[in-house]
Each structure stands twice: as C-alpha cells, then as structure tokens.
C-alpha cells in the first residue's frame, strides 16, 4: 500500500471540502443582505435561499467524499468498491423538516439579541455567526453520512481512523480532534464532529491500518507550540479530556469534558457504539511530559482493531 498516495488523497479531499465550505458560507450570508429582520415574508425567502444553497453544497460534499473514499478504499483493500453517493434530499439534522427551517433560526437569533438590548448591528453579526456555524455543521453532516455509506459498502473495511489536518486551520488542529484521532472507529459509527472540523477519514481493513505509519507528531507539536497562550492551554485540556455527546439534532458530537454540562450523559450509549473516550494522562503535567505520554498512548492503541 502506498502511504504517500493515501496522504495525498486525504489532503486533496480536505482542501476541496474546505473550499466548498467557504464558498457556501459566503452564499448563505449573502442571502441575508439588506434583510428586514421583522418582515416574515422576506425572512422566509432568505431562509429558503440559504437552505437551497446548503442543500446543493451538501450533495457536492457527499460526492467529493464518495470519490475520495472510493479511491482510498481501493488503495487500502486492493480493489475499489462500486462507489455509491448519497442522494441527499432532506436535512440530515434529526427532526428538522426542511432546509429553510434551520436557516430561519438566523432571524430568530437577531430578534432575540435585539430583545435583550443589543444594537441591531451587533445582533445581526451574531445572527450571521449562527448562519456560518449552521452551514459548516450541515456540510460536516453530509461528509460524515457519506463516509459511513462508503465504509459499509465495502466488505473489506472493518473500521476507520480520523485524520487531522492542521494545515487548514490558523492555529493547527484543535485539541478535541487530536485527542479523538488516536483510535479506530467501527465502520458503522458516525464520526463525532464539531463546528469548523477539518478532519477526514481513512479506512481500516484486517490487513492494513493507517494508524501505524501515519505520523501524528506534527499535529501534537503544533498544539504544544502554542502552549504560552490561553487558547493553547484550553486546547491542551480538551485534548486530554473529551466527550462524545449525542446531540438531539446532530448525533455524535465532540465536546470538552470540562465544559460538558453532564459528563456522564449517554456513557452507556457511547460505549455500545464503540465511542467511549480514551483514557488520558494527567492534564496538569508539563507540556512536554504530556506530549511524550500522549505519543506513548497513541503507539499503544495504533494497532487496536475496530469493535464489532
């Protein structure tokens, strides 16, 4: 198996997805330009336009993921499966009936913030932040759903690994992703996601596991390079203690255990899905000590097989 080819495929997919995400966010935010935030008909039209843009982009994101994983599975398993791309019609958010429903919430945010006394300009900025986050999460849901479809469509694939892409974020990979990237997930498990997640996935077969030769040292080093900043200290903490929560709309999501309102919630469900968090070193240790410990832990779990 050619590891350089797999790395290049993963990088190309991540780049394509990132470009699609940025262009879609721009389209969505443009749908709200000049909007009267108290005009119901105008809001309905804006939400429909934003939702239509994300619906189209979600189908494209799934298509990119399908093409990438078809090639990746072929490289890993020796023969490429017949690729099947999801036909996304309805939102992938649970219990959300239409695309417009999700993007109508942008106006809800603006009006709510105004009702609390915020100036309209500040309230609109917060509403557009919500539009940004909603768009990125929806595209992440499309990529994740397609990945499961691709993995379960090949009898050779038994699981997958999360692949971080620090090059796509200004401060490198977030601590949550780095922490969640050192284990094998069952092929049917939905990858836990979060806002602005840049991770891709790689298939694991009985004969080949990309975890062993795949060197995550750069990702760890980038996290610790920032150890003097407040944000880096926060990343260090989330790296060593994370939860996979079952979100009511989004399914499995990554959250910091320190920030989780109820860290024990859904633990049995997570363990049943093979998603229980890996035990980590003491969060109070010095940065370099933690880095060494994390690397040792990564090496111990690199050959872990996916649970059936």
Protein backbone atom coordinates (compact mmCIF):
# COMPACT_ATOMS: atom_id res chain seq x y z
CA UNK A 1 0.00 0.00 0.00
CA UNK A 2 1.28 3.45 -0.96
CA UNK A 3 1.03 5.66 2.13
CA UNK A 4 2.09 8.75 0.21
CA UNK A 5 -0.81 8.25 -2.17
CA UNK A 6 -3.25 7.93 0.74
CA UNK A 7 -1.86 11.06 2.34
CA UNK A 8 -2.18 12.97 -0.93
CA UNK A 9 -5.76 11.76 -1.41
CA UNK A 10 -6.71 12.80 2.12
CA UNK A 11 -5.11 16.21 1.72
CA UNK A 12 -6.81 16.82 -1.64
CA UNK A 13 -10.22 15.92 -0.23
CA UNK A 14 -9.72 18.16 2.79
CA UNK A 15 -8.71 21.05 0.52
CA UNK A 16 -11.74 20.54 -1.75
CA UNK A 17 -14.11 20.36 1.20
CA UNK A 18 -12.62 23.48 2.80
CA UNK A 19 -13.01 25.48 -0.43
CA UNK A 20 -16.61 24.28 -0.81
CA UNK A 21 -17.34 25.24 2.80
CA UNK A 22 -16.02 28.77 2.43
CA UNK A 23 -17.91 29.44 -0.80
CA UNK A 24 -21.14 28.06 0.67
CA UNK A 25 -20.84 30.19 3.81
CA UNK A 26 -20.46 33.26 1.58
CA UNK A 27 -23.60 32.30 -0.38
CA UNK A 28 -25.60 31.74 2.77
CA UNK A 29 -24.60 35.01 4.40
CA UNK A 30 -25.35 36.88 1.16
CA UNK A 31 -28.92 35.58 1.35
CA UNK A 32 -29.47 37.81 4.40
CA UNK A 33 -28.00 41.01 2.91
CA UNK A 34 -30.27 44.00 3.46
CA UNK A 35 -32.93 41.88 5.17
CA UNK A 36 -35.74 43.41 7.21
CA UNK A 37 -35.44 41.16 10.24
CA UNK A 38 -39.08 41.73 11.16
CA UNK A 39 -40.56 41.03 7.71
CA UNK A 40 -41.87 37.46 7.85
CA UNK A 41 -42.11 37.00 4.08
CA UNK A 42 -38.63 38.38 3.48
CA UNK A 43 -37.20 36.15 6.22
CA UNK A 44 -38.93 33.11 4.74
CA UNK A 45 -37.47 33.86 1.31
CA UNK A 46 -33.97 34.44 2.72
CA UNK A 47 -34.07 31.22 4.73
CA UNK A 48 -35.27 29.29 1.68
CA UNK A 49 -32.44 30.71 -0.42
CA UNK A 50 -29.82 29.93 2.21
CA UNK A 51 -31.21 26.44 2.71
CA UNK A 52 -31.19 25.76 -1.04
CA UNK A 53 -27.52 26.76 -1.24
CA UNK A 54 -26.58 24.42 1.60
CA UNK A 55 -28.71 21.59 0.18
CA UNK A 56 -26.83 21.81 -3.12
CA UNK A 57 -23.46 22.09 -1.38
CA UNK A 58 -24.28 19.10 0.85
CA UNK A 59 -24.78 16.95 -2.24
CA UNK A 60 -21.46 18.18 -3.60
CA UNK A 61 -19.70 17.47 -0.29
CA UNK A 62 -21.08 13.92 -0.32
CA UNK A 63 -19.92 13.49 -3.91
CA UNK A 64 -16.39 14.66 -3.03
CA UNK A 65 -16.30 12.27 -0.06
CA UNK A 66 -17.57 9.35 -2.14
CA UNK A 67 -14.93 9.86 -4.83
CA UNK A 68 -12.15 10.23 -2.26
CA UNK A 69 -13.09 7.18 -0.19
CA UNK A 70 -13.66 5.00 -3.23
CA UNK A 71 -10.04 5.61 -4.17
CA UNK A 72 -8.80 5.33 -0.57
CA UNK A 73 -10.58 2.01 -0.06
CA UNK A 74 -9.15 0.79 -3.35
CA UNK A 75 -5.63 1.67 -2.20
CA UNK A 76 -6.17 0.02 1.19
CA UNK A 77 -8.16 -3.07 0.21
CA UNK A 78 -6.54 -3.71 -3.15
CA UNK A 79 -9.73 -3.28 -5.14
CA UNK A 80 -12.06 -0.30 -5.30
CA UNK A 81 -15.69 -0.87 -4.36
CA UNK A 82 -18.53 0.36 -6.51
CA UNK A 83 -18.97 3.87 -5.19
CA UNK A 84 -22.44 4.93 -4.04
CA UNK A 85 -23.13 8.59 -3.40
CA UNK A 86 -25.94 9.54 -1.05
CA UNK A 87 -28.91 11.25 -2.63
CA UNK A 88 -29.47 13.96 -0.04
CA UNK A 89 -32.98 15.35 -0.17
CA UNK A 90 -33.94 16.37 3.36
CA UNK A 91 -31.70 17.92 6.03
CA UNK A 92 -29.52 15.42 7.85
CA UNK A 93 -30.41 17.10 11.14
CA UNK A 94 -32.74 14.87 13.11
CA UNK A 95 -36.33 16.13 13.42
CA UNK A 96 -35.72 19.16 11.20
CA UNK A 97 -38.29 19.04 8.43
CA UNK A 98 -36.81 21.43 5.87
CA UNK A 99 -33.62 23.28 4.99
CA UNK A 100 -35.44 26.58 5.39
CA UNK A 101 -36.33 25.68 8.97
CA UNK A 102 -32.68 25.50 10.04
CA UNK A 103 -31.82 28.80 8.33
CA UNK A 104 -34.88 30.62 9.64
CA UNK A 105 -33.17 30.41 13.03
CA UNK A 106 -30.73 33.11 11.92
CA UNK A 107 -33.53 35.69 12.11
CA UNK A 108 -34.64 34.24 15.44
CA UNK A 109 -31.18 34.92 16.81
CA UNK A 110 -31.13 38.50 15.56
CA UNK A 111 -34.52 39.36 17.04
CA UNK A 112 -33.71 37.66 20.32
CA UNK A 113 -30.46 39.58 20.73
CA UNK A 114 -32.25 42.86 19.96
CA UNK A 115 -34.88 41.99 22.58
CA UNK A 116 -32.05 41.71 25.13
CA UNK A 117 -30.92 45.24 24.32
CA UNK A 118 -28.14 44.64 21.80
CA UNK A 119 -27.75 47.18 18.97
CA UNK A 120 -29.13 45.84 15.70
CA UNK A 121 -25.68 45.72 14.05
CA UNK A 122 -24.32 43.56 16.86
CA UNK A 123 -27.38 41.33 16.78
CA UNK A 124 -27.03 40.86 13.01
CA UNK A 125 -23.36 39.93 13.47
CA UNK A 126 -24.39 37.21 15.92
CA UNK A 127 -27.09 36.01 13.54
CA UNK A 128 -24.57 35.71 10.72
CA UNK A 129 -22.24 33.81 13.04
CA UNK A 130 -25.08 31.36 13.55
CA UNK A 131 -25.53 31.10 9.77
CA UNK A 132 -21.81 30.35 9.44
CA UNK A 133 -21.88 27.65 12.11
CA UNK A 134 -25.09 26.07 10.78
CA UNK A 135 -23.67 25.89 7.26
CA UNK A 136 -20.40 24.30 8.31
CA UNK A 137 -22.14 21.75 10.51
CA UNK A 138 -24.59 20.80 7.73
CA UNK A 139 -21.73 20.16 5.31
CA UNK A 140 -19.98 18.15 8.01
CA UNK A 141 -23.11 16.02 8.40
CA UNK A 142 -23.10 15.32 4.66
CA UNK A 143 -19.44 14.28 4.69
CA UNK A 144 -19.97 12.09 7.73
CA UNK A 145 -23.07 10.35 6.36
CA UNK A 146 -21.34 9.67 3.06
CA UNK A 147 -18.28 8.25 4.83
CA UNK A 148 -20.44 5.71 6.64
CA UNK A 149 -22.14 4.79 3.37
CA UNK A 150 -18.77 4.29 1.69
CA UNK A 151 -17.29 2.24 4.54
CA UNK A 152 -20.30 -0.03 4.99
CA UNK A 153 -20.43 -0.56 1.22
CA UNK A 154 -17.12 -2.45 1.28
CA UNK A 155 -16.83 -5.84 2.96
CA UNK A 156 -13.07 -5.30 3.29
CA UNK A 157 -13.45 -2.27 5.56
CA UNK A 158 -13.79 -3.05 9.28
CA UNK A 159 -13.38 0.47 10.63
CA UNK A 160 -11.83 3.87 10.05
CA UNK A 161 -9.45 6.39 11.52
CA UNK A 162 -9.90 10.13 11.91
CA UNK A 163 -7.20 12.13 10.09
CA UNK A 164 -6.43 15.64 11.35
CA UNK A 165 -5.46 18.47 9.00
CA UNK A 166 -3.62 21.17 10.99
CA UNK A 167 -2.66 22.92 7.75
CA UNK A 168 -6.27 24.01 7.21
CA UNK A 169 -6.61 25.93 10.48
CA UNK A 170 -4.69 29.02 11.54
CA UNK A 171 -3.80 27.55 14.93
CA UNK A 172 -3.48 23.92 13.81
CA UNK A 173 -5.76 21.04 14.70
CA UNK A 174 -7.99 21.59 17.70
CA UNK A 175 -7.33 19.58 20.84
CA UNK A 176 -10.61 17.69 20.51
CA UNK A 177 -9.72 16.34 17.07
CA UNK A 178 -6.17 15.41 18.07
CA UNK A 179 -7.50 13.52 21.09
CA UNK A 180 -10.15 11.71 19.06
CA UNK A 181 -7.77 10.77 16.24
CA UNK A 182 -5.77 8.06 18.04
CA UNK A 183 -8.31 5.22 17.89
CA UNK A 184 -10.13 3.03 15.41
CA UNK A 185 -13.87 3.54 14.97
CA UNK A 186 -16.30 0.87 13.79
CA UNK A 187 -17.21 1.34 10.15
CA UNK A 188 -20.88 1.93 11.01
CA UNK A 189 -20.17 4.55 13.67
CA UNK A 190 -20.84 8.15 12.69
CA UNK A 191 -17.71 10.23 13.22
CA UNK A 192 -18.20 12.72 16.10
CA UNK A 193 -18.00 16.22 14.67
CA UNK A 194 -17.89 19.83 15.86
CA UNK A 195 -18.02 23.33 14.39
CA UNK A 196 -15.22 24.01 11.88
CA UNK A 197 -13.96 20.44 12.00
CA UNK A 198 -11.47 19.78 9.18
CA UNK A 199 -10.94 16.06 9.76
CA UNK A 200 -11.17 13.46 7.04
CA UNK A 201 -11.24 9.68 7.47
CA UNK A 202 -9.24 6.69 6.21
CA UNK A 203 -10.44 3.08 6.01
CA UNK A 204 -9.05 0.29 8.17
CA UNK A 205 -9.00 -3.30 6.92
CA UNK A 206 -7.93 -6.53 8.61
CA UNK A 207 -4.59 -6.30 6.80
CA UNK A 208 -3.96 -2.56 6.78
CA UNK A 209 -4.33 0.11 9.45
CA UNK A 210 -3.21 3.63 8.51
CA UNK A 211 -2.69 4.43 12.19
CA UNK A 212 0.74 2.80 12.46
CA UNK A 213 2.70 4.62 9.73
CA UNK A 214 0.51 7.72 9.90
CA UNK A 215 2.64 10.11 11.94
CA UNK A 216 0.63 12.48 14.13
CA UNK A 217 3.71 14.04 15.74
CA UNK A 218 3.32 17.24 13.71
CA UNK A 219 -0.24 17.68 14.91
CA UNK A 220 0.80 17.20 18.53
CA UNK A 221 3.75 19.52 18.11
CA UNK A 222 1.56 22.24 16.59
CA UNK A 223 -0.81 22.03 19.55
CA UNK A 224 2.04 22.40 22.02
CA UNK A 225 3.87 25.08 20.05
CA UNK A 226 1.11 27.44 21.24
CA UNK A 227 1.43 26.43 24.88
CA UNK A 228 2.07 30.00 26.04
CA UNK A 229 -1.39 31.25 25.01
CA UNK A 230 -4.68 30.96 26.83
CA UNK A 231 -6.31 29.26 23.85
CA UNK A 232 -3.50 26.72 23.68
CA UNK A 233 -3.91 25.86 27.36
CA UNK A 234 -7.59 25.26 26.66
CA UNK A 235 -6.70 23.02 23.72
CA UNK A 236 -4.30 21.08 25.92
CA UNK A 237 -7.07 20.44 28.41
CA UNK A 238 -9.63 19.38 25.82
CA UNK A 239 -7.07 17.13 24.18
CA UNK A 240 -6.70 15.05 27.28
CA UNK A 241 -10.37 15.02 28.29
CA UNK A 242 -13.16 14.88 25.72
CA UNK A 243 -16.66 13.50 25.50
CA UNK A 244 -18.76 12.22 22.63
CA UNK A 245 -22.25 13.53 23.31
CA UNK A 246 -25.41 12.55 21.48
CA UNK A 247 -26.83 15.85 20.24
CA UNK A 248 -30.57 15.91 19.66
CA UNK A 249 -30.22 17.14 16.06
CA UNK A 250 -26.66 16.33 15.05
CA UNK A 251 -26.00 12.90 16.55
CA UNK A 252 -22.50 12.28 17.97
CA UNK A 253 -20.52 15.47 18.59
CA UNK A 254 -17.17 16.16 20.25
CA UNK A 255 -17.22 18.33 23.37
CA UNK A 256 -14.71 19.18 26.06
CA UNK A 257 -15.35 17.07 29.14
CA UNK A 258 -14.60 20.10 31.34
CA UNK A 259 -17.28 22.08 29.53
CA UNK A 260 -19.85 19.33 29.29
CA UNK A 261 -22.91 20.09 31.41
CA UNK A 262 -23.27 16.40 32.25
CA UNK A 263 -20.05 14.47 31.51
CA UNK A 264 -21.63 11.11 32.29
CA UNK A 265 -24.61 11.57 29.99
CA UNK A 266 -25.10 8.83 27.41
CA UNK A 267 -21.95 6.98 28.51
CA UNK A 268 -23.61 3.60 28.06
CA UNK A 269 -24.80 4.57 24.61
CA UNK A 270 -21.32 5.78 23.64
CA UNK A 271 -19.71 2.56 24.85
CA UNK A 272 -22.27 0.50 22.96
CA UNK A 273 -21.35 2.43 19.79
CA UNK A 274 -17.62 1.95 20.40
CA UNK A 275 -17.16 5.66 21.05
CA UNK A 276 -16.10 5.79 24.71
CA UNK A 277 -13.27 8.32 25.24
CA UNK A 278 -9.73 7.02 25.54
CA UNK A 279 -8.21 7.48 29.00
CA UNK A 280 -5.59 10.20 29.01
CA UNK A 281 -2.61 11.45 31.07
CA UNK A 282 -2.96 13.98 33.88
CA UNK A 283 -3.96 17.37 32.48
CA UNK A 284 -1.75 19.24 34.94
CA UNK A 285 1.53 17.73 33.70
CA UNK A 286 4.04 19.90 31.88
CA UNK A 287 3.53 20.26 28.14
CA UNK A 288 6.49 18.18 27.03
CA UNK A 289 5.69 15.44 29.54
CA UNK A 290 2.13 15.29 28.28
CA UNK A 291 3.30 15.19 24.70
CA UNK A 292 5.53 12.20 25.39
CA UNK A 293 2.75 10.43 27.28
CA UNK A 294 0.26 11.11 24.52
CA UNK A 295 2.64 9.69 21.94
CA UNK A 296 3.15 6.55 24.03
CA UNK A 297 -0.60 6.16 24.36
CA UNK A 298 -1.04 6.66 20.64
CA UNK A 299 1.51 3.94 19.90
CA UNK A 300 -0.21 1.54 22.30
CA UNK A 301 -3.57 2.00 20.59
CA UNK A 302 -2.38 2.30 16.98
CA UNK A 303 -2.98 -1.38 16.27
CA UNK A 304 -6.32 -1.52 18.04
CA UNK A 305 -8.92 -3.27 15.91
CA UNK A 306 -12.43 -1.94 15.44
CA UNK A 307 -15.04 -3.43 17.73
CA UNK A 308 -17.75 -5.42 16.03
